[in-house]
């Protein structure tokens, strides 16, 4: 799958123009290893990076605090995690960060 439009359709079944903040954060977080970090992979690194991107969008005032809160909850739903569950402090990201 190459490109944002193909990724949006493949992973979320919508056009890129219809992606939610959370869906966009997940797609962006899949790079540079989209096979290793697909939404179905259970990747902790994908979950953590998606949350960091949502935080960055809020910090740089691209989204409101309410939108960020909603996006965090959606990221957790999309990636099959309980809200706030990022795997614990003893779990390292897959890419060593």
Protein backbone atom coordinates (compact mmCIF):
# COMPACT_ATOMS: atom_id res chain seq x y z
CA UNK A 1 0.00 0.00 0.00
CA UNK A 2 1.56 3.28 -1.11
CA UNK A 3 0.36 6.77 -0.26
CA UNK A 4 -2.08 8.31 2.18
CA UNK A 5 -5.17 7.65 0.06
CA UNK A 6 -4.37 3.95 -0.33
CA UNK A 7 -3.46 3.67 3.36
CA UNK A 8 -6.69 5.35 4.46
CA UNK A 9 -8.76 3.03 2.32
CA UNK A 10 -6.81 -0.10 3.27
CA UNK A 11 -6.74 0.41 7.03
CA UNK A 12 -9.87 2.46 7.74
CA UNK A 13 -12.11 2.09 4.69
CA UNK A 14 -12.41 5.84 4.10
CA UNK A 15 -10.91 8.45 1.80
CA UNK A 16 -7.88 10.36 3.11
CA UNK A 17 -10.02 13.51 3.23
CA UNK A 18 -12.36 11.76 5.70
CA UNK A 19 -9.70 10.56 8.17
CA UNK A 20 -10.18 11.49 11.80
CA UNK A 21 -7.33 13.01 13.79
CA UNK A 22 -6.68 9.62 15.41
CA UNK A 23 -6.71 7.73 12.12
CA UNK A 24 -4.26 10.22 10.62
CA UNK A 25 -1.99 9.91 13.65
CA UNK A 26 -2.02 6.12 13.38
CA UNK A 27 -1.20 6.19 9.67
CA UNK A 28 1.63 8.68 10.20
CA UNK A 29 2.96 6.60 13.10
CA UNK A 30 3.22 3.54 10.91
CA UNK A 31 6.15 5.09 9.06
CA UNK A 32 8.88 4.11 8.31
CA UNK A 33 7.84 0.46 8.92
CA UNK A 34 4.20 0.08 7.85
CA UNK A 35 4.31 -3.73 7.73
CA UNK A 36 5.81 -4.00 11.20
CA UNK A 37 3.55 -1.30 12.65
CA UNK A 38 0.17 -1.99 11.06
CA UNK A 39 -2.93 -1.34 13.21
CA UNK A 40 -3.46 -5.11 13.41
CA UNK A 41 0.11 -5.84 14.53
CA UNK A 42 -0.39 -5.05 18.21
CA UNK A 43 2.69 -2.80 18.06
CA UNK A 44 3.27 -0.92 21.30
CA UNK A 45 5.52 1.48 19.40
CA UNK A 46 2.61 2.34 17.09
CA UNK A 47 0.35 3.03 20.05
CA UNK A 48 2.90 5.23 21.83
CA UNK A 49 3.91 7.16 18.73
CA UNK A 50 0.25 7.76 17.77
CA UNK A 51 -0.38 9.27 21.20
CA UNK A 52 2.75 11.43 20.90
CA UNK A 53 1.55 12.76 17.54
CA UNK A 54 -1.84 13.68 18.98
CA UNK A 55 -0.05 15.48 21.84
CA UNK A 56 2.12 17.36 19.35
CA UNK A 57 -0.95 18.46 17.38
CA UNK A 58 -2.39 19.87 20.61
CA UNK A 59 0.87 21.54 21.67
CA UNK A 60 1.22 23.24 18.29
CA UNK A 61 -2.45 24.28 18.42
CA UNK A 62 -3.55 22.34 15.36
CA UNK A 63 -6.31 20.73 17.45
CA UNK A 64 -8.07 21.74 20.67
CA UNK A 65 -7.67 20.01 24.03
CA UNK A 66 -11.12 18.45 23.57
CA UNK A 67 -10.19 17.15 20.12
CA UNK A 68 -6.95 15.72 21.55
CA UNK A 69 -8.84 13.93 24.33
CA UNK A 70 -11.24 12.46 21.79
CA UNK A 71 -8.36 11.45 19.50
CA UNK A 72 -6.50 9.71 22.35
CA UNK A 73 -9.59 7.64 23.14
CA UNK A 74 -10.05 6.78 19.47
CA UNK A 75 -6.40 5.74 19.09
CA UNK A 76 -6.91 3.34 21.99
CA UNK A 77 -10.06 1.95 20.37
CA UNK A 78 -8.46 1.64 16.94
CA UNK A 79 -5.45 -0.20 18.29
CA UNK A 80 -7.44 -2.41 20.64
CA UNK A 81 -6.14 -1.05 23.93
CA UNK A 82 -7.89 0.01 27.09
CA UNK A 83 -7.85 3.78 27.47
CA UNK A 84 -4.50 4.89 28.85
CA UNK A 85 -2.91 1.42 28.52
CA UNK A 86 0.41 1.86 26.76
CA UNK A 87 1.91 -1.39 27.97
CA UNK A 88 3.60 -0.25 31.17
CA UNK A 89 6.91 1.35 31.99
CA UNK A 90 8.93 -1.84 31.48
CA UNK A 91 7.94 -2.18 27.82
CA UNK A 92 10.39 -0.62 25.36
CA UNK A 93 9.35 0.61 21.95
CA UNK A 94 10.05 -1.85 19.16
CA UNK A 95 12.48 0.56 17.55
CA UNK A 96 14.52 0.91 20.74
CA UNK A 97 13.22 4.34 21.82
